[in-house]
Amino acid sequence: TLATTSEIKTLLSGVTVNSGAASSQFDTENYEKVRFFGETTASVGTDIILMGAATDGGQAYVLGENLRSETIGGVHYIYGPVVENLPRYIKILNKSGSTNYVFTKLFMQLSGGRVAV
């Protein structure tokens, strides 16, 4: 089956990702690209990195991309680059070493389409 051209899904909602911990994973089957956006309760700098795994619950590896944030009017907006050629599962890792981040909302805009195997 092929994915729709573009679909927005909630990855995190009211979730705290503790220092040194990873979020739950998300299945990206049938999609080629993803973009992240949302809000956090604090500026994340470059503390949040994207991880990917080939199998459900498998060893995750750094995808080489960080989420970033911009503070506008006291709101911390988080965003990330478009990541292409996705692994089957993705999650985020808080590498801050000291800060627990609360994600008010973190969305993924998934697009493209590939045949499920």
Protein backbone atom coordinates (compact mmCIF):
# COMPACT_ATOMS: atom_id res chain seq x y z
CA THR A 1 0.00 0.00 0.00
CA LEU A 2 1.08 3.59 -0.50
CA ALA A 3 0.96 6.39 2.03
CA THR A 4 -1.09 9.51 1.46
CA THR A 5 0.77 12.52 0.06
CA SER A 6 0.95 14.19 3.47
CA GLU A 7 -0.38 13.24 6.90
CA ILE A 8 0.09 14.86 10.31
CA LYS A 9 0.27 12.59 13.35
CA THR A 10 0.85 13.33 17.03
CA LEU A 11 4.11 11.84 18.27
CA LEU A 12 3.98 13.26 21.82
CA SER A 13 1.29 15.13 23.75
CA GLY A 14 1.88 16.29 27.33
CA VAL A 15 4.83 13.91 27.61
CA THR A 16 8.03 14.46 29.60
CA VAL A 17 11.22 13.06 28.11
CA ASN A 18 13.70 12.85 30.97
CA SER A 19 17.39 13.62 30.69
CA GLY A 20 19.19 10.68 29.07
CA ALA A 21 15.92 8.98 28.12
CA ALA A 22 14.14 8.35 24.82
CA SER A 23 10.50 8.79 23.88
CA SER A 24 8.28 5.96 22.77
CA GLN A 25 8.88 4.91 19.18
CA PHE A 26 6.70 5.62 16.18
CA ASP A 27 6.19 3.36 13.18
CA THR A 28 6.89 5.13 9.88
CA GLU A 29 5.87 2.25 7.59
CA ASN A 30 4.78 3.45 4.12
CA TYR A 31 6.34 6.91 4.47
CA GLU A 32 9.50 8.36 2.95
CA LYS A 33 9.90 11.72 4.71
CA VAL A 34 9.06 13.32 8.03
CA ARG A 35 9.14 16.85 9.47
CA PHE A 36 8.71 17.62 13.19
CA PHE A 37 7.02 20.62 14.79
CA GLY A 38 5.27 21.50 18.04
CA GLU A 39 5.77 23.14 21.44
CA THR A 40 7.78 22.48 24.59
CA THR A 41 7.79 24.09 28.02
CA ALA A 42 11.48 25.12 27.69
CA SER A 43 13.98 25.93 24.96
CA VAL A 44 15.68 22.70 23.85
CA GLY A 45 18.78 24.10 22.15
CA THR A 46 20.23 21.04 20.41
CA ASP A 47 19.49 18.61 23.28
CA ILE A 48 16.87 16.58 21.37
CA ILE A 49 18.19 14.19 18.72
CA LEU A 50 16.39 11.86 16.33
CA MET A 51 16.96 8.12 16.60
CA GLY A 52 15.97 5.34 14.23
CA ALA A 53 15.63 1.56 14.41
CA ALA A 54 15.02 -1.06 11.74
CA THR A 55 12.93 -3.35 13.94
CA ASP A 56 10.21 -2.92 16.57
CA GLY A 57 12.03 -2.32 19.87
CA GLY A 58 15.37 -2.80 18.13
CA GLN A 59 18.63 -0.97 18.74
CA ALA A 60 18.15 2.68 17.77
CA TYR A 61 20.86 4.77 16.13
CA VAL A 62 21.38 8.51 15.78
CA LEU A 63 19.98 9.82 12.49
CA GLY A 64 22.30 12.83 12.52
CA GLU A 65 19.53 15.40 13.00
CA ASN A 66 18.54 17.51 16.02
CA LEU A 67 15.26 19.19 16.85
CA ARG A 68 15.58 22.88 17.68
CA SER A 69 13.39 25.52 19.26
CA GLU A 70 12.57 29.18 18.85
CA THR A 71 10.98 31.22 21.63
CA ILE A 72 8.38 33.71 20.42
CA GLY A 73 6.25 35.62 22.90
CA GLY A 74 7.20 33.21 25.69
CA VAL A 75 6.17 30.12 23.71
CA HIS A 76 8.88 27.55 22.88
CA TYR A 77 8.19 26.27 19.37
CA ILE A 78 10.09 23.14 18.37
CA TYR A 79 10.91 22.16 14.80
CA GLY A 80 13.18 19.90 12.84
CA PRO A 81 14.50 19.31 9.35
CA VAL A 82 12.87 17.09 6.78
CA VAL A 83 14.32 13.63 7.29
CA GLU A 84 14.26 11.39 4.22
CA ASN A 85 14.76 7.66 3.69
CA LEU A 86 13.32 6.88 7.11
CA PRO A 87 14.11 3.80 9.14
CA ARG A 88 10.99 1.82 10.06
CA TYR A 89 10.85 3.19 13.65
CA ILE A 90 11.84 6.59 15.02
CA LYS A 91 11.96 8.23 18.44
CA ILE A 92 13.62 11.19 20.09
CA LEU A 93 16.39 11.18 22.70
CA ASN A 94 17.01 13.83 25.34
CA LYS A 95 20.81 14.14 25.55
CA SER A 96 20.82 17.20 27.83
CA GLY A 97 22.37 15.52 30.86
CA SER A 98 20.30 17.62 33.27
CA THR A 99 16.99 18.89 31.85
CA ASN A 100 13.67 17.04 31.61
CA TYR A 101 11.69 18.43 28.66
CA VAL A 102 7.90 18.48 28.55
CA PHE A 103 6.49 18.30 25.04
CA THR A 104 3.14 20.07 25.07
CA LYS A 105 2.64 18.74 21.54
CA LEU A 106 5.05 17.24 19.05
CA PHE A 107 3.68 16.48 15.61
CA MET A 108 5.15 14.65 12.64
CA GLN A 109 4.23 15.56 9.11
CA LEU A 110 4.79 12.35 7.15
CA SER A 111 4.83 12.34 3.38
CA GLY A 112 5.84 10.45 0.31
CA GLY A 113 4.90 6.88 -0.25
CA ARG A 114 6.58 3.54 -0.56
CA VAL A 115 5.37 0.01 -0.93
CA ALA A 116 5.13 -1.89 2.36
CA VAL A 117 7.23 -5.05 2.36
